[in-house]
Amino acid sequence: MTVIEIVREYLKREGYDGLFNAESECGCLFDNLAPCSFMCDECEAGYKHPCTCGDHDWHIEREKP
């Protein structure tokens, strides 16, 4: 198993939707983890929320919607 596969399985098992990094305003869903080919130690598990800023389709945040 790769690290991405391990992280994906953990996220699904624990009910998270993906990862986010508040420092870099980055987020990805578990079905497309690390599309940039990079995960760092600042990435956190989170939940998908509708976008409120108008710039994206969704956001990943720490709290459940």
PDB file of N, CA and C in Angstrom:
ATOM      1  N   MET A   1       0.838  -1.195   0.000  1.00  0.00           N
ATOM      2  CA  MET A   1       0.000   0.000   0.000  1.00  0.00           C
ATOM      3  C   MET A   1       0.875   1.247   0.000  1.00  0.00           C
ATOM      4  N   THR A   2       0.427   2.239  -0.745  1.00  0.00           N
ATOM      5  CA  THR A   2       1.136   3.516  -0.750  1.00  0.00           C
ATOM      6  C   THR A   2       0.630   4.387   0.401  1.00  0.00           C
ATOM      7  N   VAL A   3       1.360   5.438   0.695  1.00  0.00           N
ATOM      8  CA  VAL A   3       0.937   6.370   1.742  1.00  0.00           C
ATOM      9  C   VAL A   3      -0.422   6.975   1.394  1.00  0.00           C
ATOM     10  N   ILE A   4      -0.615   7.337   0.135  1.00  0.00           N
ATOM     11  CA  ILE A   4      -1.902   7.913  -0.280  1.00  0.00           C
ATOM     12  C   ILE A   4      -3.025   6.905  -0.060  1.00  0.00           C
ATOM     13  N   GLU A   5      -2.802   5.642  -0.367  1.00  0.00           N
ATOM     14  CA  GLU A   5      -3.828   4.619  -0.145  1.00  0.00           C
ATOM     15  C   GLU A   5      -4.134   4.447   1.344  1.00  0.00           C
ATOM     16  N   ILE A   6      -3.108   4.491   2.174  1.00  0.00           N
ATOM     17  CA  ILE A   6      -3.293   4.366   3.620  1.00  0.00           C
ATOM     18  C   ILE A   6      -4.099   5.550   4.153  1.00  0.00           C
ATOM     19  N   VAL A   7      -3.746   6.747   3.729  1.00  0.00           N
ATOM     20  CA  VAL A   7      -4.460   7.950   4.174  1.00  0.00           C
ATOM     21  C   VAL A   7      -5.899   7.910   3.678  1.00  0.00           C
ATOM     22  N   ARG A   8      -6.112   7.531   2.431  1.00  0.00           N
ATOM     23  CA  ARG A   8      -7.467   7.449   1.866  1.00  0.00           C
ATOM     24  C   ARG A   8      -8.333   6.490   2.681  1.00  0.00           C
ATOM     25  N   GLU A   9      -7.814   5.318   2.996  1.00  0.00           N
ATOM     26  CA  GLU A   9      -8.569   4.338   3.772  1.00  0.00           C
ATOM     27  C   GLU A   9      -8.896   4.871   5.166  1.00  0.00           C
ATOM     28  N   TYR A  10      -7.947   5.556   5.796  1.00  0.00           N
ATOM     29  CA  TYR A  10      -8.194   6.150   7.113  1.00  0.00           C
ATOM     30  C   TYR A  10      -9.312   7.185   7.044  1.00  0.00           C
ATOM     31  N   LEU A  11      -9.239   8.079   6.067  1.00  0.00           N
ATOM     32  CA  LEU A  11     -10.256   9.127   5.928  1.00  0.00           C
ATOM     33  C   LEU A  11     -11.640   8.526   5.756  1.00  0.00           C
ATOM     34  N   LYS A  12     -11.748   7.526   4.873  1.00  0.00           N
ATOM     35  CA  LYS A  12     -13.049   6.883   4.642  1.00  0.00           C
ATOM     36  C   LYS A  12     -13.547   6.192   5.905  1.00  0.00           C
ATOM     37  N   ARG A  13     -12.671   5.452   6.554  1.00  0.00           N
ATOM     38  CA  ARG A  13     -13.052   4.700   7.753  1.00  0.00           C
ATOM     39  C   ARG A  13     -13.528   5.622   8.880  1.00  0.00           C
ATOM     40  N   GLU A  14     -12.916   6.784   9.014  1.00  0.00           N
ATOM     41  CA  GLU A  14     -13.236   7.712  10.097  1.00  0.00           C
ATOM     42  C   GLU A  14     -14.318   8.723   9.720  1.00  0.00           C
ATOM     43  N   GLY A  15     -14.805   8.673   8.477  1.00  0.00           N
ATOM     44  CA  GLY A  15     -15.908   9.535   8.053  1.00  0.00           C
ATOM     45  C   GLY A  15     -15.507  10.915   7.555  1.00  0.00           C
ATOM     46  N   TYR A  16     -14.221  11.129   7.274  1.00  0.00           N
ATOM     47  CA  TYR A  16     -13.769  12.411   6.734  1.00  0.00           C
ATOM     48  C   TYR A  16     -13.980  12.450   5.223  1.00  0.00           C
ATOM     49  N   ASP A  17     -14.015  13.661   4.676  1.00  0.00           N
ATOM     50  CA  ASP A  17     -14.186  13.837   3.234  1.00  0.00           C
ATOM     51  C   ASP A  17     -12.877  14.072   2.502  1.00  0.00           C
ATOM     52  N   GLY A  18     -11.864  14.551   3.206  1.00  0.00           N
ATOM     53  CA  GLY A  18     -10.600  14.830   2.542  1.00  0.00           C
ATOM     54  C   GLY A  18      -9.600  15.479   3.474  1.00  0.00           C
ATOM     55  N   LEU A  19      -8.627  16.145   2.871  1.00  0.00           N
ATOM     56  CA  LEU A  19      -7.562  16.831   3.596  1.00  0.00           C
ATOM     57  C   LEU A  19      -7.591  18.316   3.271  1.00  0.00           C
ATOM     58  N   PHE A  20      -7.089  19.113   4.207  1.00  0.00           N
ATOM     59  CA  PHE A  20      -6.916  20.537   3.936  1.00  0.00           C
ATOM     60  C   PHE A  20      -5.673  21.026   4.653  1.00  0.00           C
ATOM     61  N   ASN A  21      -5.137  22.121   4.167  1.00  0.00           N
ATOM     62  CA  ASN A  21      -3.993  22.780   4.781  1.00  0.00           C
ATOM     63  C   ASN A  21      -4.353  24.249   4.915  1.00  0.00           C
ATOM     64  N   ALA A  22      -4.636  24.677   6.125  1.00  0.00           N
ATOM     65  CA  ALA A  22      -5.075  26.054   6.365  1.00  0.00           C
ATOM     66  C   ALA A  22      -3.992  27.072   6.029  1.00  0.00           C
ATOM     67  N   GLU A  23      -2.734  26.687   6.142  1.00  0.00           N
ATOM     68  CA  GLU A  23      -1.631  27.608   5.856  1.00  0.00           C
ATOM     69  C   GLU A  23      -1.527  27.930   4.367  1.00  0.00           C
ATOM     70  N   SER A  24      -1.859  26.974   3.526  1.00  0.00           N
ATOM     71  CA  SER A  24      -1.719  27.198   2.083  1.00  0.00           C
ATOM     72  C   SER A  24      -3.053  27.285   1.365  1.00  0.00           C
ATOM     73  N   GLU A  25      -4.165  27.290   2.116  1.00  0.00           N
ATOM     74  CA  GLU A  25      -5.505  27.345   1.532  1.00  0.00           C
ATOM     75  C   GLU A  25      -5.695  26.264   0.474  1.00  0.00           C
ATOM     76  N   CYS A  26      -5.287  25.058   0.812  1.00  0.00           N
ATOM     77  CA  CYS A  26      -5.309  23.923  -0.093  1.00  0.00           C
ATOM     78  C   CYS A  26      -6.252  22.865   0.465  1.00  0.00           C
ATOM     79  N   GLY A  27      -6.937  22.124  -0.397  1.00  0.00           N
ATOM     80  CA  GLY A  27      -7.792  21.041   0.041  1.00  0.00           C
ATOM     81  C   GLY A  27      -8.018  20.031  -1.063  1.00  0.00           C
ATOM     82  N   CYS A  28      -8.221  18.773  -0.670  1.00  0.00           N
ATOM     83  CA  CYS A  28      -8.500  17.731  -1.658  1.00  0.00           C
ATOM     84  C   CYS A  28      -9.440  16.703  -1.036  1.00  0.00           C
ATOM     85  N   LEU A  29     -10.247  16.084  -1.870  1.00  0.00           N
ATOM     86  CA  LEU A  29     -11.183  15.052  -1.447  1.00  0.00           C
ATOM     87  C   LEU A  29     -10.487  13.696  -1.436  1.00  0.00           C
ATOM     88  N   PHE A  30     -10.985  12.759  -0.618  1.00  0.00           N
ATOM     89  CA  PHE A  30     -10.290  11.481  -0.493  1.00  0.00           C
ATOM     90  C   PHE A  30     -10.253  10.680  -1.785  1.00  0.00           C
ATOM     91  N   ASP A  31     -11.178  10.918  -2.700  1.00  0.00           N
ATOM     92  CA  ASP A  31     -11.143  10.176  -3.966  1.00  0.00           C
ATOM     93  C   ASP A  31     -10.129  10.753  -4.954  1.00  0.00           C
ATOM     94  N   ASN A  32      -9.539  11.899  -4.622  1.00  0.00           N
ATOM     95  CA  ASN A  32      -8.490  12.499  -5.460  1.00  0.00           C
ATOM     96  C   ASN A  32      -7.457  13.149  -4.535  1.00  0.00           C
ATOM     97  N   LEU A  33      -6.870  12.338  -3.666  1.00  0.00           N
ATOM     98  CA  LEU A  33      -5.913  12.865  -2.697  1.00  0.00           C
ATOM     99  C   LEU A  33      -4.634  13.330  -3.375  1.00  0.00           C
ATOM    100  N   ALA A  34      -4.142  14.438  -2.901  1.00  0.00           N
ATOM    101  CA  ALA A  34      -2.869  14.998  -3.343  1.00  0.00           C
ATOM    102  C   ALA A  34      -2.764  15.091  -4.871  1.00  0.00           C
ATOM    103  N   PRO A  35      -3.728  15.771  -5.530  1.00  0.00           N
ATOM    104  CA  PRO A  35      -3.632  15.899  -6.991  1.00  0.00           C
ATOM    105  C   PRO A  35      -2.374  16.659  -7.407  1.00  0.00           C
ATOM    106  N   CYS A  36      -1.789  17.381  -6.480  1.00  0.00           N
ATOM    107  CA  CYS A  36      -0.545  18.101  -6.737  1.00  0.00           C
ATOM    108  C   CYS A  36       0.671  17.195  -6.513  1.00  0.00           C
ATOM    109  N   SER A  37       0.429  15.931  -6.162  1.00  0.00           N
ATOM    110  CA  SER A  37       1.479  14.945  -5.861  1.00  0.00           C
ATOM    111  C   SER A  37       2.257  15.295  -4.606  1.00  0.00           C
ATOM    112  N   PHE A  38       1.595  15.983  -3.666  1.00  0.00           N
ATOM    113  CA  PHE A  38       2.284  16.410  -2.456  1.00  0.00           C
ATOM    114  C   PHE A  38       1.335  16.437  -1.266  1.00  0.00           C
ATOM    115  N   MET A  39       1.718  15.782  -0.185  1.00  0.00           N
ATOM    116  CA  MET A  39       1.045  15.907   1.106  1.00  0.00           C
ATOM    117  C   MET A  39       2.124  16.320   2.096  1.00  0.00           C
ATOM    118  N   CYS A  40       1.767  17.195   3.018  1.00  0.00           N
ATOM    119  CA  CYS A  40       2.767  17.629   3.997  1.00  0.00           C
ATOM    120  C   CYS A  40       2.256  17.393   5.405  1.00  0.00           C
ATOM    121  N   ASP A  41       3.107  17.622   6.386  1.00  0.00           N
ATOM    122  CA  ASP A  41       2.712  17.357   7.763  1.00  0.00           C
ATOM    123  C   ASP A  41       1.714  18.366   8.305  1.00  0.00           C
ATOM    124  N   GLU A  42       1.409  19.429   7.560  1.00  0.00           N
ATOM    125  CA  GLU A  42       0.374  20.384   7.965  1.00  0.00           C
ATOM    126  C   GLU A  42      -1.016  19.992   7.464  1.00  0.00           C
ATOM    127  N   CYS A  43      -1.121  18.992   6.584  1.00  0.00           N
ATOM    128  CA  CYS A  43      -2.424  18.547   6.088  1.00  0.00           C
ATOM    129  C   CYS A  43      -3.224  17.952   7.242  1.00  0.00           C
ATOM    130  N   GLU A  44      -4.516  18.300   7.290  1.00  0.00           N
ATOM    131  CA  GLU A  44      -5.415  17.804   8.335  1.00  0.00           C
ATOM    132  C   GLU A  44      -6.635  17.159   7.688  1.00  0.00           C
ATOM    133  N   ALA A  45      -7.195  16.187   8.391  1.00  0.00           N
ATOM    134  CA  ALA A  45      -8.440  15.572   7.944  1.00  0.00           C
ATOM    135  C   ALA A  45      -9.571  16.566   8.159  1.00  0.00           C
ATOM    136  N   GLY A  46     -10.529  16.563   7.237  1.00  0.00           N
ATOM    137  CA  GLY A  46     -11.637  17.500   7.373  1.00  0.00           C
ATOM    138  C   GLY A  46     -12.867  17.070   6.599  1.00  0.00           C
ATOM    139  N   TYR A  47     -13.848  17.973   6.586  1.00  0.00           N
ATOM    140  CA  TYR A  47     -15.157  17.710   5.999  1.00  0.00           C
ATOM    141  C   TYR A  47     -15.461  18.700   4.893  1.00  0.00           C
ATOM    142  N   LYS A  48     -16.146  18.215   3.884  1.00  0.00           N
ATOM    143  CA  LYS A  48     -16.511  19.045   2.732  1.00  0.00           C
ATOM    144  C   LYS A  48     -17.636  20.006   3.107  1.00  0.00           C
ATOM    145  N   HIS A  49     -17.467  21.263   2.710  1.00  0.00           N
ATOM    146  CA  HIS A  49     -18.455  22.314   2.921  1.00  0.00           C
ATOM    147  C   HIS A  49     -18.705  23.022   1.590  1.00  0.00           C
ATOM    148  N   PRO A  50     -19.903  23.539   1.379  1.00  0.00           N
ATOM    149  CA  PRO A  50     -20.137  24.354   0.190  1.00  0.00           C
ATOM    150  C   PRO A  50     -19.262  25.612   0.252  1.00  0.00           C
ATOM    151  N   CYS A  51     -18.856  26.085  -0.880  1.00  0.00           N
ATOM    152  CA  CYS A  51     -18.038  27.295  -0.947  1.00  0.00           C
ATOM    153  C   CYS A  51     -18.880  28.518  -0.591  1.00  0.00           C
ATOM    154  N   THR A  52     -18.336  29.365   0.265  1.00  0.00           N
ATOM    155  CA  THR A  52     -19.008  30.618   0.612  1.00  0.00           C
ATOM    156  C   THR A  52     -18.275  31.833   0.046  1.00  0.00           C
ATOM    157  N   CYS A  53     -17.090  31.600  -0.530  1.00  0.00           N
ATOM    158  CA  CYS A  53     -16.317  32.729  -1.044  1.00  0.00           C
ATOM    159  C   CYS A  53     -16.597  32.999  -2.522  1.00  0.00           C
ATOM    160  N   GLY A  54     -17.222  32.031  -3.203  1.00  0.00           N
ATOM    161  CA  GLY A  54     -17.540  32.208  -4.604  1.00  0.00           C
ATOM    162  C   GLY A  54     -16.420  31.856  -5.565  1.00  0.00           C
ATOM    163  N   ASP A  55     -15.269  31.433  -5.031  1.00  0.00           N
ATOM    164  CA  ASP A  55     -14.124  31.105  -5.890  1.00  0.00           C
ATOM    165  C   ASP A  55     -13.960  29.617  -6.156  1.00  0.00           C
ATOM    166  N   HIS A  56     -14.682  28.761  -5.410  1.00  0.00           N
ATOM    167  CA  HIS A  56     -14.509  27.316  -5.515  1.00  0.00           C
ATOM    168  C   HIS A  56     -15.868  26.627  -5.490  1.00  0.00           C
ATOM    169  N   ASP A  57     -15.860  25.337  -5.771  1.00  0.00           N
ATOM    170  CA  ASP A  57     -17.086  24.549  -5.660  1.00  0.00           C
ATOM    171  C   ASP A  57     -17.323  24.101  -4.220  1.00  0.00           C
ATOM    172  N   TRP A  58     -16.242  23.911  -3.453  1.00  0.00           N
ATOM    173  CA  TRP A  58     -16.316  23.409  -2.089  1.00  0.00           C
ATOM    174  C   TRP A  58     -15.038  23.774  -1.339  1.00  0.00           C
ATOM    175  N   HIS A  59     -15.088  23.570  -0.036  1.00  0.00           N
ATOM    176  CA  HIS A  59     -13.924  23.731   0.844  1.00  0.00           C
ATOM    177  C   HIS A  59     -13.872  22.522   1.769  1.00  0.00           C
ATOM    178  N   ILE A  60     -12.703  22.203   2.268  1.00  0.00           N
ATOM    179  CA  ILE A  60     -12.546  21.207   3.320  1.00  0.00           C
ATOM    180  C   ILE A  60     -12.208  21.979   4.593  1.00  0.00           C
ATOM    181  N   GLU A  61     -12.958  21.685   5.653  1.00  0.00           N
ATOM    182  CA  GLU A  61     -12.783  22.402   6.910  1.00  0.00           C
ATOM    183  C   GLU A  61     -12.723  21.417   8.075  1.00  0.00           C
ATOM    184  N   ARG A  62     -12.222  21.879   9.198  1.00  0.00           N
ATOM    185  CA  ARG A  62     -12.017  21.055  10.380  1.00  0.00           C
ATOM    186  C   ARG A  62     -13.343  20.570  10.993  1.00  0.00           C
ATOM    187  N   GLU A  63     -14.349  21.411  11.006  1.00  0.00           N
ATOM    188  CA  GLU A  63     -15.621  21.081  11.652  1.00  0.00           C
ATOM    189  C   GLU A  63     -16.605  20.457  10.665  1.00  0.00           C
ATOM    190  N   LYS A  64     -17.482  19.595  11.165  1.00  0.00           N
ATOM    191  CA  LYS A  64     -18.535  19.012  10.327  1.00  0.00           C
ATOM    192  C   LYS A  64     -19.509  20.113   9.923  1.00  0.00           C
ATOM    193  N   PRO A  65     -20.085  20.017   8.711  1.00  0.00           N
ATOM    194  CA  PRO A  65     -21.053  21.028   8.291  1.00  0.00           C
ATOM    195  C   PRO A  65     -22.347  20.939   9.085  1.00  0.00           C
TER     196      PRO A  65
END
